[in-house]
């Protein structure tokens, strides 16, 4: 039987999305490179709103719920000075780790596929770079990923 990632994607629940978003951003906030970017733009008292917005985003991506009405490209463009192309490796690695921890393999794969497309799109739009971003680089520091050629 063929793997239909769109059908699998629709099997995720809103509760799973919320749990995934919260755990992922816990990891982001613990990550040396990524936490600095987020801390600079999201005050501590605004994290609940950011997490709710990200749950709406992923609900719209995975379930087609239409709950998200933001402009992610514009949001990232406002912070371009603090974002580096290599950070997408770490971002995707943390997302991969969280998906694999919390979801069944087929659903984790569907969410990873969507995240890869988002990361590639952002990297291209922000920096003019179009490349595959390795999932296997989970938890490697940016400097290590550059020296091993994973960019």
N, C-alpha and C. Protein backbone atom coordinates (compact mmCIF):
# COMPACT_ATOMS: atom_id res chain seq x y z
N UNK A 1 0.85 -1.18 0.00
CA UNK A 1 0.00 0.00 0.00
C UNK A 1 0.89 1.24 0.00
N UNK A 2 0.58 2.20 -0.82
CA UNK A 2 1.37 3.43 -0.93
C UNK A 2 1.15 4.33 0.28
N UNK A 3 2.19 5.02 0.64
CA UNK A 3 2.15 5.97 1.77
C UNK A 3 1.58 7.28 1.27
N UNK A 4 0.43 7.69 1.78
CA UNK A 4 -0.21 8.96 1.40
C UNK A 4 -0.04 9.93 2.55
N UNK A 5 0.97 10.80 2.44
CA UNK A 5 1.28 11.69 3.55
C UNK A 5 0.15 12.68 3.83
N UNK A 6 -0.63 13.06 2.82
CA UNK A 6 -1.75 13.97 3.06
C UNK A 6 -2.84 13.32 3.90
N UNK A 7 -3.13 12.05 3.62
CA UNK A 7 -4.13 11.34 4.43
C UNK A 7 -3.62 11.13 5.85
N UNK A 8 -2.36 10.74 5.97
CA UNK A 8 -1.77 10.54 7.30
C UNK A 8 -1.76 11.86 8.06
N UNK A 9 -1.41 12.95 7.38
CA UNK A 9 -1.36 14.27 8.03
C UNK A 9 -2.69 14.63 8.67
N UNK A 10 -3.77 14.28 8.02
CA UNK A 10 -5.10 14.63 8.53
C UNK A 10 -5.50 13.78 9.73
N UNK A 11 -4.68 12.79 10.06
CA UNK A 11 -5.00 11.94 11.21
C UNK A 11 -4.47 12.52 12.53
N UNK A 12 -3.71 13.59 12.46
CA UNK A 12 -3.20 14.21 13.68
C UNK A 12 -4.34 14.96 14.37
N UNK A 13 -4.33 14.96 15.68
CA UNK A 13 -5.37 15.68 16.42
C UNK A 13 -4.86 17.06 16.83
N UNK A 14 -5.79 17.94 17.13
CA UNK A 14 -5.42 19.28 17.62
C UNK A 14 -4.62 19.14 18.92
N UNK A 15 -4.99 18.19 19.75
CA UNK A 15 -4.27 17.96 21.00
C UNK A 15 -2.82 17.54 20.73
N UNK A 16 -2.62 16.65 19.76
CA UNK A 16 -1.26 16.24 19.41
C UNK A 16 -0.45 17.42 18.87
N UNK A 17 -1.08 18.24 18.06
CA UNK A 17 -0.39 19.41 17.52
C UNK A 17 0.03 20.33 18.65
N UNK A 18 -0.86 20.60 19.57
CA UNK A 18 -0.55 21.48 20.70
C UNK A 18 0.60 20.91 21.53
N UNK A 19 0.53 19.62 21.82
CA UNK A 19 1.59 18.98 22.60
C UNK A 19 2.93 19.06 21.86
N UNK A 20 2.91 18.79 20.57
CA UNK A 20 4.12 18.84 19.76
C UNK A 20 4.72 20.24 19.74
N UNK A 21 3.90 21.23 19.51
CA UNK A 21 4.36 22.62 19.47
C UNK A 21 4.99 23.01 20.80
N UNK A 22 4.34 22.68 21.89
CA UNK A 22 4.86 23.04 23.21
C UNK A 22 6.20 22.35 23.48
N UNK A 23 6.30 21.06 23.19
CA UNK A 23 7.55 20.33 23.44
C UNK A 23 8.66 20.84 22.52
N UNK A 24 8.34 21.09 21.27
CA UNK A 24 9.33 21.60 20.32
C UNK A 24 9.90 22.93 20.80
N UNK A 25 9.02 23.86 21.18
CA UNK A 25 9.51 25.16 21.62
C UNK A 25 10.19 25.10 22.98
N UNK A 26 9.89 24.11 23.81
CA UNK A 26 10.70 23.88 25.01
C UNK A 26 12.14 23.61 24.58
N UNK A 27 12.28 22.77 23.56
CA UNK A 27 13.63 22.44 23.06
C UNK A 27 14.29 23.65 22.42
N UNK A 28 13.54 24.41 21.64
CA UNK A 28 14.09 25.61 21.01
C UNK A 28 14.63 26.55 22.08
N UNK A 29 13.87 26.72 23.14
CA UNK A 29 14.27 27.65 24.21
C UNK A 29 15.47 27.14 25.00
N UNK A 30 15.77 25.85 24.89
CA UNK A 30 16.94 25.27 25.54
C UNK A 30 18.16 25.25 24.61
N UNK A 31 17.94 25.47 23.33
CA UNK A 31 18.99 25.38 22.33
C UNK A 31 19.83 26.67 22.30
N UNK A 32 21.13 26.51 22.32
CA UNK A 32 22.03 27.67 22.40
C UNK A 32 21.83 28.65 21.24
N UNK A 33 21.84 28.18 20.00
CA UNK A 33 21.73 29.08 18.84
C UNK A 33 20.31 29.62 18.65
N UNK A 34 19.34 28.75 18.72
CA UNK A 34 17.97 29.17 18.42
C UNK A 34 17.34 30.00 19.53
N UNK A 35 17.67 29.69 20.77
CA UNK A 35 17.04 30.41 21.88
C UNK A 35 17.35 31.90 21.83
N UNK A 36 18.54 32.25 21.43
CA UNK A 36 18.91 33.67 21.37
C UNK A 36 18.02 34.44 20.40
N UNK A 37 17.70 33.84 19.27
CA UNK A 37 16.84 34.49 18.28
C UNK A 37 15.45 34.70 18.86
N UNK A 38 14.89 33.66 19.45
CA UNK A 38 13.53 33.75 19.98
C UNK A 38 13.45 34.66 21.20
N UNK A 39 14.43 34.59 22.07
CA UNK A 39 14.43 35.45 23.26
C UNK A 39 14.46 36.92 22.88
N UNK A 40 15.13 37.24 21.78
CA UNK A 40 15.24 38.63 21.35
C UNK A 40 13.92 39.19 20.82
N UNK A 41 13.02 38.31 20.37
CA UNK A 41 11.79 38.81 19.73
C UNK A 41 10.50 38.44 20.46
N UNK A 42 10.58 37.48 21.38
CA UNK A 42 9.37 37.08 22.11
C UNK A 42 9.61 37.28 23.60
N UNK A 43 9.01 38.31 24.18
CA UNK A 43 9.15 38.50 25.63
C UNK A 43 8.54 37.31 26.37
N UNK A 44 9.05 37.04 27.56
CA UNK A 44 8.61 35.88 28.34
C UNK A 44 7.10 35.82 28.51
N UNK A 45 6.46 36.97 28.71
CA UNK A 45 5.02 36.98 28.93
C UNK A 45 4.21 36.78 27.64
N UNK A 46 4.89 36.78 26.49
CA UNK A 46 4.20 36.58 25.20
C UNK A 46 4.31 35.16 24.67
N UNK A 47 5.03 34.29 25.38
CA UNK A 47 5.17 32.91 24.90
C UNK A 47 3.84 32.17 24.79
N UNK A 48 2.91 32.32 25.73
CA UNK A 48 1.63 31.61 25.55
C UNK A 48 0.93 31.98 24.23
N UNK A 49 0.97 33.26 23.86
CA UNK A 49 0.36 33.68 22.59
C UNK A 49 1.12 33.10 21.39
N UNK A 50 2.45 33.08 21.49
CA UNK A 50 3.24 32.52 20.38
C UNK A 50 2.95 31.04 20.21
N UNK A 51 2.88 30.31 21.31
CA UNK A 51 2.60 28.88 21.23
C UNK A 51 1.20 28.62 20.65
N UNK A 52 0.24 29.42 21.04
CA UNK A 52 -1.12 29.28 20.49
C UNK A 52 -1.11 29.57 18.99
N UNK A 53 -0.37 30.59 18.59
CA UNK A 53 -0.27 30.94 17.17
C UNK A 53 0.39 29.82 16.37
N UNK A 54 1.44 29.22 16.93
CA UNK A 54 2.11 28.13 16.24
C UNK A 54 1.24 26.88 16.16
N UNK A 55 0.42 26.65 17.18
CA UNK A 55 -0.54 25.53 17.11
C UNK A 55 -1.56 25.79 16.01
N UNK A 56 -2.01 27.03 15.87
CA UNK A 56 -2.92 27.39 14.78
C UNK A 56 -2.24 27.19 13.43
N UNK A 57 -0.98 27.58 13.33
CA UNK A 57 -0.22 27.42 12.09
C UNK A 57 -0.18 25.94 11.69
N UNK A 58 0.24 25.08 12.63
CA UNK A 58 0.37 23.66 12.31
C UNK A 58 -0.99 22.99 12.09
N UNK A 59 -2.02 23.47 12.74
CA UNK A 59 -3.37 22.98 12.48
C UNK A 59 -3.76 23.30 11.04
N UNK A 60 -3.43 24.49 10.60
CA UNK A 60 -3.75 24.88 9.22
C UNK A 60 -2.93 24.07 8.22
N UNK A 61 -1.65 23.84 8.53
CA UNK A 61 -0.78 23.08 7.64
C UNK A 61 -1.22 21.62 7.55
N UNK A 62 -1.45 21.01 8.69
CA UNK A 62 -1.72 19.57 8.71
C UNK A 62 -3.17 19.22 8.46
N UNK A 63 -4.08 20.01 8.99
CA UNK A 63 -5.50 19.66 8.92
C UNK A 63 -6.29 20.52 7.95
N UNK A 64 -5.64 21.57 7.43
CA UNK A 64 -6.36 22.49 6.56
C UNK A 64 -7.44 23.25 7.31
N UNK A 65 -7.23 23.49 8.60
CA UNK A 65 -8.26 24.10 9.44
C UNK A 65 -8.50 25.58 9.14
N UNK A 66 -7.51 26.24 8.56
CA UNK A 66 -7.66 27.66 8.27
C UNK A 66 -7.62 28.54 9.52
N UNK A 67 -7.15 27.99 10.62
CA UNK A 67 -7.11 28.76 11.87
C UNK A 67 -6.01 29.81 11.87
N UNK A 68 -4.95 29.60 11.12
CA UNK A 68 -3.82 30.53 11.12
C UNK A 68 -4.04 31.61 10.07
N UNK A 69 -3.86 32.85 10.49
CA UNK A 69 -4.05 33.97 9.57
C UNK A 69 -2.83 34.89 9.53
N UNK A 70 -1.68 34.39 9.96
CA UNK A 70 -0.47 35.20 9.99
C UNK A 70 0.25 35.22 8.66
N UNK A 71 1.38 35.89 8.67
CA UNK A 71 2.24 35.99 7.49
C UNK A 71 3.65 35.59 7.90
N UNK A 72 3.93 34.28 7.85
CA UNK A 72 5.21 33.80 8.38
C UNK A 72 6.43 34.39 7.67
N UNK A 73 6.34 34.61 6.39
CA UNK A 73 7.50 35.16 5.68
C UNK A 73 7.80 36.57 6.19
N UNK A 74 6.79 37.39 6.33
CA UNK A 74 7.01 38.75 6.84
C UNK A 74 7.54 38.72 8.27
N UNK A 75 7.04 37.81 9.08
CA UNK A 75 7.52 37.70 10.46
C UNK A 75 9.01 37.37 10.49
N UNK A 76 9.44 36.46 9.63
CA UNK A 76 10.85 36.10 9.60
C UNK A 76 11.70 37.21 8.98
N UNK A 77 11.16 37.90 8.01
CA UNK A 77 11.91 39.00 7.37
C UNK A 77 12.22 40.11 8.38
N UNK A 78 11.32 40.36 9.31
CA UNK A 78 11.54 41.40 10.32
C UNK A 78 12.74 41.08 11.21
N UNK A 79 13.12 39.82 11.26
CA UNK A 79 14.21 39.39 12.15
C UNK A 79 15.38 38.81 11.37
N UNK A 80 15.49 39.18 10.12
CA UNK A 80 16.51 38.62 9.24
C UNK A 80 17.93 38.80 9.78
N UNK A 81 18.19 39.91 10.43
CA UNK A 81 19.54 40.17 10.92
C UNK A 81 19.99 39.14 11.96
N UNK A 82 19.06 38.50 12.65
CA UNK A 82 19.45 37.54 13.69
C UNK A 82 19.30 36.08 13.25
N UNK A 83 18.86 35.86 12.02
CA UNK A 83 18.68 34.50 11.51
C UNK A 83 19.82 34.17 10.55
N UNK A 84 20.38 33.00 10.70
CA UNK A 84 21.42 32.50 9.80
C UNK A 84 20.89 31.30 9.03
N UNK A 85 21.27 31.12 7.78
CA UNK A 85 20.76 29.98 7.01
C UNK A 85 20.99 28.63 7.69
N UNK A 86 22.11 28.48 8.36
CA UNK A 86 22.45 27.21 8.99
C UNK A 86 21.53 26.86 10.16
N UNK A 87 20.84 27.84 10.70
CA UNK A 87 19.95 27.59 11.83
C UNK A 87 18.79 26.67 11.45
N UNK A 88 18.49 26.61 10.17
CA UNK A 88 17.40 25.74 9.73
C UNK A 88 17.74 24.27 9.94
N UNK A 89 19.03 23.94 9.93
CA UNK A 89 19.46 22.56 10.21
C UNK A 89 19.07 22.19 11.64
N UNK A 90 19.41 23.06 12.56
CA UNK A 90 19.11 22.80 13.96
C UNK A 90 17.60 22.78 14.20
N UNK A 91 16.89 23.74 13.60
CA UNK A 91 15.44 23.83 13.73
C UNK A 91 14.79 22.52 13.27
N UNK A 92 15.20 22.04 12.11
CA UNK A 92 14.61 20.81 11.58
C UNK A 92 15.02 19.60 12.41
N UNK A 93 16.23 19.61 12.93
CA UNK A 93 16.67 18.52 13.79
C UNK A 93 15.84 18.43 15.06
N UNK A 94 15.56 19.58 15.67
CA UNK A 94 14.73 19.60 16.88
C UNK A 94 13.30 19.18 16.57
N UNK A 95 12.79 19.64 15.43
CA UNK A 95 11.43 19.25 15.01
C UNK A 95 11.37 17.74 14.79
N UNK A 96 12.38 17.20 14.11
CA UNK A 96 12.45 15.77 13.85
C UNK A 96 12.47 14.98 15.15
N UNK A 97 13.32 15.38 16.07
CA UNK A 97 13.43 14.71 17.36
C UNK A 97 12.08 14.72 18.09
N UNK A 98 11.40 15.85 18.07
CA UNK A 98 10.13 15.98 18.78
C UNK A 98 9.03 15.16 18.11
N UNK A 99 8.97 15.20 16.79
CA UNK A 99 7.97 14.41 16.07
C UNK A 99 8.16 12.92 16.33
N UNK A 100 9.40 12.46 16.26
CA UNK A 100 9.68 11.04 16.46
C UNK A 100 9.39 10.60 17.89
N UNK A 101 9.55 11.51 18.84
CA UNK A 101 9.29 11.21 20.24
C UNK A 101 7.78 11.10 20.53
N UNK A 102 6.98 11.96 19.89
CA UNK A 102 5.58 12.09 20.28
C UNK A 102 4.57 11.44 19.33
N UNK A 103 4.98 11.10 18.12
CA UNK A 103 4.03 10.63 17.12
C UNK A 103 4.39 9.25 16.59
N UNK A 104 3.39 8.56 16.08
CA UNK A 104 3.65 7.29 15.40
C UNK A 104 4.50 7.59 14.17
N UNK A 105 5.30 6.64 13.71
CA UNK A 105 6.25 6.91 12.62
C UNK A 105 5.64 7.54 11.37
N UNK A 106 4.48 7.06 10.93
CA UNK A 106 3.89 7.59 9.70
C UNK A 106 3.49 9.06 9.86
N UNK A 107 2.94 9.39 11.02
CA UNK A 107 2.54 10.77 11.28
C UNK A 107 3.76 11.66 11.48
N UNK A 108 4.77 11.15 12.17
CA UNK A 108 6.01 11.91 12.32
C UNK A 108 6.60 12.23 10.95
N UNK A 109 6.60 11.25 10.07
CA UNK A 109 7.14 11.45 8.72
C UNK A 109 6.34 12.50 7.95
N UNK A 110 5.03 12.47 8.08
CA UNK A 110 4.20 13.46 7.38
C UNK A 110 4.50 14.88 7.89
N UNK A 111 4.63 15.02 9.20
CA UNK A 111 4.92 16.35 9.77
C UNK A 111 6.33 16.80 9.42
N UNK A 112 7.26 15.86 9.37
CA UNK A 112 8.63 16.20 8.97
C UNK A 112 8.69 16.67 7.52
N UNK A 113 7.93 16.00 6.67
CA UNK A 113 7.90 16.42 5.27
C UNK A 113 7.39 17.84 5.11
N UNK A 114 6.35 18.17 5.85
CA UNK A 114 5.82 19.55 5.80
C UNK A 114 6.86 20.53 6.34
N UNK A 115 7.51 20.18 7.44
CA UNK A 115 8.52 21.06 8.04
C UNK A 115 9.71 21.25 7.10
N UNK A 116 10.12 20.21 6.41
CA UNK A 116 11.22 20.34 5.45
C UNK A 116 10.85 21.33 4.35
N UNK A 117 9.64 21.23 3.85
CA UNK A 117 9.21 22.16 2.80
C UNK A 117 9.17 23.60 3.32
N UNK A 118 8.72 23.79 4.54
CA UNK A 118 8.68 25.12 5.14
C UNK A 118 10.10 25.66 5.30
N UNK A 119 10.99 24.83 5.83
CA UNK A 119 12.37 25.27 6.03
C UNK A 119 13.03 25.64 4.70
N UNK A 120 12.84 24.82 3.68
CA UNK A 120 13.42 25.13 2.36
C UNK A 120 12.85 26.42 1.80
N UNK A 121 11.56 26.60 1.94
CA UNK A 121 10.91 27.81 1.44
C UNK A 121 11.42 29.05 2.15
N UNK A 122 11.51 28.99 3.47
CA UNK A 122 12.02 30.13 4.23
C UNK A 122 13.48 30.41 3.88
N UNK A 123 14.27 29.37 3.82
CA UNK A 123 15.69 29.55 3.50
C UNK A 123 15.86 30.18 2.12
N UNK A 124 15.06 29.74 1.17
CA UNK A 124 15.15 30.31 -0.17
C UNK A 124 14.68 31.76 -0.19
N UNK A 125 13.55 32.03 0.43
CA UNK A 125 12.99 33.38 0.42
C UNK A 125 13.85 34.37 1.19
N UNK A 126 14.44 33.93 2.29
CA UNK A 126 15.24 34.83 3.11
C UNK A 126 16.66 35.01 2.59
N UNK A 127 17.24 33.93 2.05
CA UNK A 127 18.66 33.94 1.71
C UNK A 127 18.98 33.56 0.27
N UNK A 128 17.97 33.18 -0.50
CA UNK A 128 18.23 32.77 -1.88
C UNK A 128 18.92 31.42 -1.98
N UNK A 129 18.83 30.62 -0.92
CA UNK A 129 19.47 29.30 -0.88
C UNK A 129 18.37 28.26 -1.01
N UNK A 130 18.53 27.35 -1.98
CA UNK A 130 17.59 26.24 -2.09
C UNK A 130 18.40 24.95 -2.00
N UNK A 131 18.18 24.22 -0.91
CA UNK A 131 18.92 22.98 -0.69
C UNK A 131 18.14 22.09 0.24
N UNK A 132 18.47 20.81 0.20
CA UNK A 132 17.90 19.89 1.18
C UNK A 132 18.55 20.18 2.52
N UNK A 133 17.76 20.11 3.57
CA UNK A 133 18.26 20.35 4.91
C UNK A 133 18.23 19.00 5.62
N UNK A 134 19.39 18.51 6.05
CA UNK A 134 19.44 17.15 6.61
C UNK A 134 18.74 17.03 7.95
N UNK A 135 17.91 16.01 8.06
CA UNK A 135 17.26 15.69 9.33
C UNK A 135 18.26 15.06 10.29
N UNK A 136 19.25 14.41 9.73
CA UNK A 136 20.20 13.66 10.55
C UNK A 136 21.10 14.57 11.37
N UNK A 137 21.00 15.84 11.17
CA UNK A 137 21.85 16.78 11.91
C UNK A 137 21.23 17.16 13.24
N UNK A 138 20.26 16.41 13.69
CA UNK A 138 19.59 16.74 14.95
C UNK A 138 20.60 16.96 16.06
N UNK A 139 20.46 18.11 16.70
CA UNK A 139 21.24 18.48 17.87
C UNK A 139 22.71 18.74 17.60
N UNK A 140 23.13 18.79 16.35
CA UNK A 140 24.49 19.23 16.08
C UNK A 140 24.55 20.73 16.20
N UNK A 141 25.58 21.27 16.82
CA UNK A 141 25.70 22.73 16.81
C UNK A 141 25.93 23.21 15.39
N UNK A 142 25.54 24.43 15.12
CA UNK A 142 25.67 24.99 13.78
C UNK A 142 27.10 24.85 13.28
N UNK A 143 28.07 25.15 14.10
CA UNK A 143 29.46 25.09 13.67
C UNK A 143 29.86 23.68 13.24
N UNK A 144 29.37 22.65 13.92
CA UNK A 144 29.68 21.29 13.55
C UNK A 144 29.04 20.93 12.23
N UNK A 145 27.82 21.39 12.00
CA UNK A 145 27.14 21.06 10.75
C UNK A 145 27.85 21.69 9.57
N UNK A 146 28.45 22.85 9.78
CA UNK A 146 29.17 23.51 8.70
C UNK A 146 30.47 22.78 8.40
N UNK A 147 31.17 22.34 9.43
CA UNK A 147 32.45 21.70 9.20
C UNK A 147 32.30 20.30 8.63
N UNK A 148 31.15 19.67 8.82
CA UNK A 148 30.94 18.35 8.26
C UNK A 148 30.26 18.40 6.90
N UNK A 149 30.02 19.60 6.41
CA UNK A 149 29.44 19.75 5.09
C UNK A 149 27.94 19.55 5.05
N UNK A 150 27.28 19.58 6.18
CA UNK A 150 25.83 19.39 6.21
C UNK A 150 25.10 20.70 6.08
N UNK A 151 25.22 21.35 4.97
CA UNK A 151 24.48 22.58 4.75
C UNK A 151 24.13 22.72 3.31
